[in-house]
Amino acid sequence: MGVLCVILHIFGFNCDAGRYYEALKIVFLSLALIMPCSIMINKLIQDIYPNSNETGMFDVGSMIGVMERILTVVFACLGNFSAIAIIITIKTWARTNDLKETEFRNKYLLGTLTSLVLALLIFIIYSEL
């Protein structure tokens, strides 16, 4: 949408991006939380654990990560940072038995913390725009 407004402005069409600024920010936020973050986290895990076949773009772990990032940003926008800790607690509780394996525990921690950091960075960018 932003690129379209720039192109319309370059070619002389009237485009008042100020009216759509908040909508453009929300679109940026939504798109950044889904695919780029998932790709970055999957690539990071594949680089560290090249023999792992558990990573994929549309596996359950990636979908949980997307929902985790969305909830993190929603709670950060509402100023309820303690709810973010509850998300991580519930996620960890659900995986209690799996966390006994060292490799899984490392992947879980790497993916969860990377997801949380990316979500908070996107929230900071969103709030500063």
N, C-alpha and C. Protein backbone atom coordinates (compact mmCIF):
# COMPACT_ATOMS: atom_id res chain seq x y z
N MET A 1 0.83 -1.19 0.00
CA MET A 1 0.00 0.00 0.00
C MET A 1 0.87 1.24 0.00
N GLY A 2 1.96 1.21 0.78
CA GLY A 2 2.87 2.35 0.82
C GLY A 2 3.55 2.56 -0.51
N VAL A 3 3.98 1.48 -1.15
CA VAL A 3 4.61 1.57 -2.47
C VAL A 3 3.63 2.12 -3.48
N LEU A 4 2.38 1.69 -3.40
CA LEU A 4 1.35 2.19 -4.31
C LEU A 4 1.15 3.69 -4.13
N CYS A 5 1.13 4.17 -2.90
CA CYS A 5 0.98 5.61 -2.64
C CYS A 5 2.16 6.38 -3.20
N VAL A 6 3.38 5.83 -3.06
CA VAL A 6 4.57 6.51 -3.61
C VAL A 6 4.49 6.57 -5.13
N ILE A 7 4.11 5.48 -5.76
CA ILE A 7 4.01 5.46 -7.22
C ILE A 7 2.94 6.44 -7.69
N LEU A 8 1.81 6.45 -7.01
CA LEU A 8 0.76 7.39 -7.38
C LEU A 8 1.22 8.83 -7.21
N HIS A 9 1.99 9.09 -6.18
CA HIS A 9 2.51 10.45 -5.94
C HIS A 9 3.53 10.84 -7.01
N ILE A 10 4.39 9.91 -7.40
CA ILE A 10 5.41 10.18 -8.42
C ILE A 10 4.76 10.51 -9.75
N PHE A 11 3.72 9.81 -10.11
CA PHE A 11 3.06 10.03 -11.39
C PHE A 11 1.99 11.11 -11.33
N GLY A 12 1.91 11.81 -10.22
CA GLY A 12 1.06 12.99 -10.14
C GLY A 12 -0.37 12.75 -9.70
N PHE A 13 -0.71 11.55 -9.34
CA PHE A 13 -2.06 11.30 -8.85
C PHE A 13 -2.15 11.79 -7.41
N ASN A 14 -3.31 12.20 -7.00
CA ASN A 14 -3.50 12.70 -5.65
C ASN A 14 -3.66 11.52 -4.69
N CYS A 15 -2.72 11.40 -3.77
CA CYS A 15 -2.78 10.33 -2.78
C CYS A 15 -2.45 10.92 -1.42
N ASP A 16 -3.43 10.96 -0.57
CA ASP A 16 -3.23 11.49 0.76
C ASP A 16 -2.91 10.34 1.70
N ALA A 17 -1.61 10.03 1.83
CA ALA A 17 -1.19 8.90 2.65
C ALA A 17 -1.42 9.17 4.13
N GLY A 18 -1.55 10.45 4.52
CA GLY A 18 -1.79 10.79 5.92
C GLY A 18 -3.07 10.20 6.45
N ARG A 19 -4.07 10.13 5.59
CA ARG A 19 -5.36 9.57 6.02
C ARG A 19 -5.25 8.07 6.27
N TYR A 20 -4.35 7.43 5.56
CA TYR A 20 -4.22 5.98 5.65
C TYR A 20 -3.00 5.56 6.46
N TYR A 21 -2.36 6.50 7.14
CA TYR A 21 -1.10 6.22 7.83
C TYR A 21 -1.26 5.14 8.90
N GLU A 22 -2.29 5.24 9.71
CA GLU A 22 -2.50 4.25 10.77
C GLU A 22 -2.80 2.87 10.18
N ALA A 23 -3.57 2.85 9.10
CA ALA A 23 -3.87 1.57 8.44
C ALA A 23 -2.60 0.97 7.85
N LEU A 24 -1.73 1.80 7.27
CA LEU A 24 -0.47 1.31 6.72
C LEU A 24 0.43 0.75 7.82
N LYS A 25 0.42 1.39 8.98
CA LYS A 25 1.21 0.89 10.10
C LYS A 25 0.70 -0.47 10.57
N ILE A 26 -0.60 -0.65 10.63
CA ILE A 26 -1.17 -1.92 11.06
C ILE A 26 -0.89 -3.02 10.04
N VAL A 27 -0.96 -2.67 8.74
CA VAL A 27 -0.64 -3.66 7.70
C VAL A 27 0.83 -4.06 7.81
N PHE A 28 1.72 -3.09 8.00
CA PHE A 28 3.14 -3.40 8.19
C PHE A 28 3.33 -4.32 9.38
N LEU A 29 2.70 -3.98 10.48
CA LEU A 29 2.81 -4.76 11.71
C LEU A 29 2.36 -6.20 11.47
N SER A 30 1.21 -6.35 10.86
CA SER A 30 0.65 -7.68 10.64
C SER A 30 1.52 -8.52 9.72
N LEU A 31 1.96 -7.92 8.62
CA LEU A 31 2.76 -8.68 7.66
C LEU A 31 4.13 -9.02 8.23
N ALA A 32 4.72 -8.11 8.99
CA ALA A 32 6.04 -8.36 9.57
C ALA A 32 5.99 -9.47 10.62
N LEU A 33 4.89 -9.60 11.32
CA LEU A 33 4.79 -10.61 12.37
C LEU A 33 4.65 -12.02 11.80
N ILE A 34 4.14 -12.13 10.60
CA ILE A 34 3.83 -13.46 10.08
C ILE A 34 5.02 -14.08 9.35
N MET A 35 5.22 -13.75 8.11
CA MET A 35 6.20 -14.46 7.29
C MET A 35 7.66 -14.08 7.57
N PRO A 36 8.05 -12.81 7.59
CA PRO A 36 9.48 -12.54 7.78
C PRO A 36 10.03 -13.12 9.08
N CYS A 37 9.28 -13.02 10.14
CA CYS A 37 9.74 -13.57 11.42
C CYS A 37 9.83 -15.09 11.36
N SER A 38 8.85 -15.73 10.77
CA SER A 38 8.88 -17.19 10.66
C SER A 38 10.05 -17.65 9.82
N ILE A 39 10.32 -16.96 8.74
CA ILE A 39 11.45 -17.31 7.87
C ILE A 39 12.76 -17.14 8.62
N MET A 40 12.89 -16.03 9.34
CA MET A 40 14.13 -15.77 10.09
C MET A 40 14.37 -16.83 11.16
N ILE A 41 13.34 -17.18 11.90
CA ILE A 41 13.49 -18.16 12.97
C ILE A 41 13.79 -19.55 12.39
N ASN A 42 13.08 -19.94 11.33
CA ASN A 42 13.35 -21.24 10.70
C ASN A 42 14.76 -21.29 10.13
N LYS A 43 15.20 -20.21 9.51
CA LYS A 43 16.55 -20.15 8.96
C LYS A 43 17.59 -20.24 10.06
N LEU A 44 17.37 -19.55 11.17
CA LEU A 44 18.29 -19.60 12.31
C LEU A 44 18.41 -21.01 12.86
N ILE A 45 17.28 -21.68 13.05
CA ILE A 45 17.30 -23.05 13.58
C ILE A 45 17.95 -24.01 12.59
N GLN A 46 17.68 -23.83 11.29
CA GLN A 46 18.31 -24.70 10.29
C GLN A 46 19.81 -24.48 10.21
N ASP A 47 20.27 -23.24 10.42
CA ASP A 47 21.71 -22.98 10.40
C ASP A 47 22.41 -23.60 11.60
N ILE A 48 21.76 -23.56 12.76
CA ILE A 48 22.37 -24.10 13.96
C ILE A 48 22.23 -25.62 14.03
N TYR A 49 21.07 -26.13 13.60
CA TYR A 49 20.80 -27.57 13.59
C TYR A 49 20.51 -28.02 12.16
N PRO A 50 21.54 -28.20 11.33
CA PRO A 50 21.29 -28.52 9.92
C PRO A 50 20.66 -29.89 9.68
N ASN A 51 20.83 -30.82 10.60
CA ASN A 51 20.27 -32.17 10.43
C ASN A 51 18.85 -32.29 10.93
N SER A 52 18.29 -31.20 11.45
CA SER A 52 16.94 -31.24 11.99
C SER A 52 15.93 -31.18 10.87
N ASN A 53 14.91 -32.00 10.96
CA ASN A 53 13.84 -31.99 9.96
C ASN A 53 12.54 -31.50 10.56
N GLU A 54 12.59 -30.89 11.72
CA GLU A 54 11.38 -30.45 12.41
C GLU A 54 10.88 -29.10 11.95
N THR A 55 11.71 -28.34 11.25
CA THR A 55 11.31 -26.98 10.89
C THR A 55 10.62 -26.98 9.53
N GLY A 56 9.63 -26.15 9.41
CA GLY A 56 8.90 -25.96 8.18
C GLY A 56 8.10 -24.68 8.28
N MET A 57 7.69 -24.15 7.15
CA MET A 57 6.98 -22.87 7.16
C MET A 57 5.58 -22.99 7.72
N PHE A 58 4.95 -24.14 7.56
CA PHE A 58 3.56 -24.26 8.00
C PHE A 58 3.38 -25.43 8.95
N ASP A 59 4.38 -25.70 9.78
CA ASP A 59 4.21 -26.73 10.78
C ASP A 59 3.58 -26.12 12.04
N VAL A 60 3.25 -26.96 12.97
CA VAL A 60 2.53 -26.51 14.16
C VAL A 60 3.36 -25.50 14.96
N GLY A 61 4.66 -25.75 15.08
CA GLY A 61 5.51 -24.84 15.82
C GLY A 61 5.54 -23.44 15.24
N SER A 62 5.56 -23.35 13.91
CA SER A 62 5.55 -22.03 13.26
C SER A 62 4.22 -21.32 13.48
N MET A 63 3.13 -22.05 13.42
CA MET A 63 1.82 -21.44 13.64
C MET A 63 1.68 -20.96 15.09
N ILE A 64 2.20 -21.74 16.03
CA ILE A 64 2.17 -21.31 17.43
C ILE A 64 3.03 -20.06 17.59
N GLY A 65 4.17 -20.02 16.91
CA GLY A 65 5.04 -18.85 16.97
C GLY A 65 4.37 -17.60 16.43
N VAL A 66 3.62 -17.74 15.33
CA VAL A 66 2.90 -16.59 14.77
C VAL A 66 1.87 -16.08 15.77
N MET A 67 1.11 -17.00 16.36
CA MET A 67 0.11 -16.58 17.35
C MET A 67 0.78 -15.97 18.57
N GLU A 68 1.91 -16.51 18.97
CA GLU A 68 2.66 -15.96 20.10
C GLU A 68 3.10 -14.52 19.81
N ARG A 69 3.63 -14.28 18.62
CA ARG A 69 4.06 -12.92 18.25
C ARG A 69 2.89 -11.96 18.18
N ILE A 70 1.78 -12.41 17.62
CA ILE A 70 0.60 -11.53 17.53
C ILE A 70 0.11 -11.17 18.92
N LEU A 71 -0.01 -12.16 19.81
CA LEU A 71 -0.45 -11.88 21.18
C LEU A 71 0.55 -11.00 21.92
N THR A 72 1.84 -11.21 21.68
CA THR A 72 2.86 -10.38 22.32
C THR A 72 2.69 -8.92 21.93
N VAL A 73 2.50 -8.66 20.64
CA VAL A 73 2.34 -7.28 20.18
C VAL A 73 1.02 -6.69 20.68
N VAL A 74 -0.04 -7.47 20.68
CA VAL A 74 -1.33 -6.97 21.17
C VAL A 74 -1.21 -6.58 22.64
N PHE A 75 -0.61 -7.45 23.46
CA PHE A 75 -0.46 -7.14 24.87
C PHE A 75 0.51 -5.98 25.10
N ALA A 76 1.53 -5.87 24.25
CA ALA A 76 2.45 -4.73 24.37
C ALA A 76 1.74 -3.43 24.01
N CYS A 77 0.89 -3.47 22.99
CA CYS A 77 0.12 -2.27 22.62
C CYS A 77 -0.84 -1.86 23.74
N LEU A 78 -1.35 -2.84 24.45
CA LEU A 78 -2.25 -2.55 25.57
C LEU A 78 -1.50 -2.22 26.85
N GLY A 79 -0.16 -2.34 26.82
CA GLY A 79 0.65 -2.04 27.99
C GLY A 79 0.61 -3.12 29.05
N ASN A 80 0.16 -4.31 28.69
CA ASN A 80 0.03 -5.41 29.63
C ASN A 80 1.18 -6.41 29.42
N PHE A 81 2.36 -6.02 29.87
CA PHE A 81 3.55 -6.83 29.64
C PHE A 81 3.57 -8.10 30.49
N SER A 82 2.84 -8.11 31.58
CA SER A 82 2.79 -9.33 32.39
C SER A 82 2.05 -10.46 31.67
N ALA A 83 1.15 -10.11 30.78
CA ALA A 83 0.44 -11.14 30.01
C ALA A 83 1.38 -11.86 29.05
N ILE A 84 2.44 -11.17 28.63
CA ILE A 84 3.44 -11.81 27.76
C ILE A 84 4.13 -12.94 28.52
N ALA A 85 4.41 -12.72 29.79
CA ALA A 85 5.01 -13.78 30.61
C ALA A 85 4.07 -14.96 30.74
N ILE A 86 2.78 -14.71 30.79
CA ILE A 86 1.80 -15.79 30.89
C ILE A 86 1.79 -16.62 29.60
N ILE A 87 1.94 -15.96 28.46
CA ILE A 87 2.01 -16.68 27.17
C ILE A 87 3.18 -17.66 27.19
N ILE A 88 4.35 -17.17 27.61
CA ILE A 88 5.54 -18.01 27.64
C ILE A 88 5.38 -19.14 28.66
N THR A 89 4.76 -18.84 29.79
CA THR A 89 4.54 -19.87 30.81
C THR A 89 3.63 -20.97 30.31
N ILE A 90 2.54 -20.60 29.67
CA ILE A 90 1.61 -21.60 29.14
C ILE A 90 2.29 -22.44 28.06
N LYS A 91 3.05 -21.79 27.21
CA LYS A 91 3.75 -22.51 26.15
C LYS A 91 4.76 -23.50 26.74
N THR A 92 5.48 -23.09 27.76
CA THR A 92 6.45 -23.96 28.41
C THR A 92 5.77 -25.10 29.15
N TRP A 93 4.68 -24.80 29.82
CA TRP A 93 3.95 -25.83 30.55
C TRP A 93 3.44 -26.92 29.60
N ALA A 94 2.98 -26.51 28.42
CA ALA A 94 2.46 -27.48 27.45
C ALA A 94 3.56 -28.39 26.91
N ARG A 95 4.79 -27.94 26.95
CA ARG A 95 5.91 -28.72 26.42
C ARG A 95 6.79 -29.33 27.51
N THR A 96 6.29 -29.42 28.72
CA THR A 96 7.10 -29.88 29.86
C THR A 96 7.78 -31.21 29.60
N ASN A 97 7.07 -32.19 29.08
CA ASN A 97 7.66 -33.51 28.84
C ASN A 97 8.72 -33.47 27.75
N ASP A 98 8.50 -32.65 26.71
CA ASP A 98 9.45 -32.56 25.61
C ASP A 98 10.75 -31.86 26.02
N LEU A 99 10.69 -31.02 27.03
CA LEU A 99 11.86 -30.23 27.43
C LEU A 99 12.93 -31.06 28.14
N LYS A 100 12.66 -32.34 28.36
CA LYS A 100 13.68 -33.20 28.98
C LYS A 100 14.80 -33.53 28.00
N GLU A 101 14.52 -33.45 26.70
CA GLU A 101 15.56 -33.68 25.69
C GLU A 101 16.35 -32.40 25.49
N THR A 102 17.67 -32.52 25.55
CA THR A 102 18.54 -31.35 25.48
C THR A 102 18.40 -30.61 24.15
N GLU A 103 18.42 -31.34 23.04
CA GLU A 103 18.34 -30.67 21.73
C GLU A 103 17.01 -29.95 21.55
N PHE A 104 15.92 -30.60 21.94
CA PHE A 104 14.62 -29.94 21.83
C PHE A 104 14.55 -28.71 22.72
N ARG A 105 15.08 -28.84 23.94
CA ARG A 105 15.06 -27.71 24.88
C ARG A 105 15.81 -26.52 24.29
N ASN A 106 16.96 -26.77 23.67
CA ASN A 106 17.73 -25.69 23.05
C ASN A 106 16.99 -25.05 21.89
N LYS A 107 16.38 -25.88 21.04
CA LYS A 107 15.60 -25.35 19.91
C LYS A 107 14.40 -24.56 20.40
N TYR A 108 13.74 -25.08 21.40
CA TYR A 108 12.56 -24.42 21.97
C TYR A 108 12.92 -23.05 22.53
N LEU A 109 13.98 -23.01 23.30
CA LEU A 109 14.42 -21.75 23.91
C LEU A 109 14.87 -20.76 22.84
N LEU A 110 15.63 -21.23 21.87
CA LEU A 110 16.08 -20.37 20.78
C LEU A 110 14.90 -19.81 20.00
N GLY A 111 13.97 -20.65 19.62
CA GLY A 111 12.81 -20.20 18.85
C GLY A 111 11.91 -19.27 19.63
N THR A 112 11.66 -19.60 20.89
CA THR A 112 10.77 -18.77 21.71
C THR A 112 11.37 -17.39 21.98
N LEU A 113 12.62 -17.36 22.37
CA LEU A 113 13.24 -16.06 22.67
C LEU A 113 13.43 -15.22 21.41
N THR A 114 13.79 -15.86 20.30
CA THR A 114 13.91 -15.12 19.05
C THR A 114 12.56 -14.56 18.63
N SER A 115 11.52 -15.34 18.77
CA SER A 115 10.18 -14.89 18.43
C SER A 115 9.76 -13.71 19.30
N LEU A 116 10.04 -13.80 20.58
CA LEU A 116 9.69 -12.74 21.51
C LEU A 116 10.47 -11.45 21.20
N VAL A 117 11.76 -11.58 20.94
CA VAL A 117 12.58 -10.41 20.62
C VAL A 117 12.10 -9.76 19.32
N LEU A 118 11.82 -10.56 18.30
CA LEU A 118 11.35 -10.00 17.03
C LEU A 118 10.01 -9.29 17.21
N ALA A 119 9.11 -9.89 17.98
CA ALA A 119 7.80 -9.26 18.20
C ALA A 119 7.96 -7.94 18.93
N LEU A 120 8.82 -7.88 19.93
CA LEU A 120 9.01 -6.63 20.66
C LEU A 120 9.73 -5.59 19.80
N LEU A 121 10.66 -6.01 18.94
CA LEU A 121 11.30 -5.06 18.02
C LEU A 121 10.29 -4.48 17.03
N ILE A 122 9.42 -5.32 16.52
CA ILE A 122 8.39 -4.84 15.60
C ILE A 122 7.44 -3.90 16.33
N PHE A 123 7.11 -4.20 17.58
CA PHE A 123 6.27 -3.30 18.37
C PHE A 123 6.96 -1.95 18.56
N ILE A 124 8.25 -1.94 18.85
CA ILE A 124 8.98 -0.69 19.02
C ILE A 124 8.99 0.11 17.73
N ILE A 125 9.23 -0.54 16.61
CA ILE A 125 9.21 0.15 15.31
C ILE A 125 7.81 0.71 15.06
N TYR A 126 6.79 -0.08 15.33
CA TYR A 126 5.41 0.36 15.13
C TYR A 126 5.09 1.57 16.00
N SER A 127 5.51 1.54 17.25
CA SER A 127 5.18 2.64 18.15
C SER A 127 5.98 3.90 17.86
N GLU A 128 7.14 3.75 17.21
CA GLU A 128 7.96 4.91 16.89
C GLU A 128 7.58 5.56 15.56
N LEU A 129 6.86 4.87 14.72
CA LEU A 129 6.47 5.43 13.41
C LEU A 129 5.41 6.49 13.57
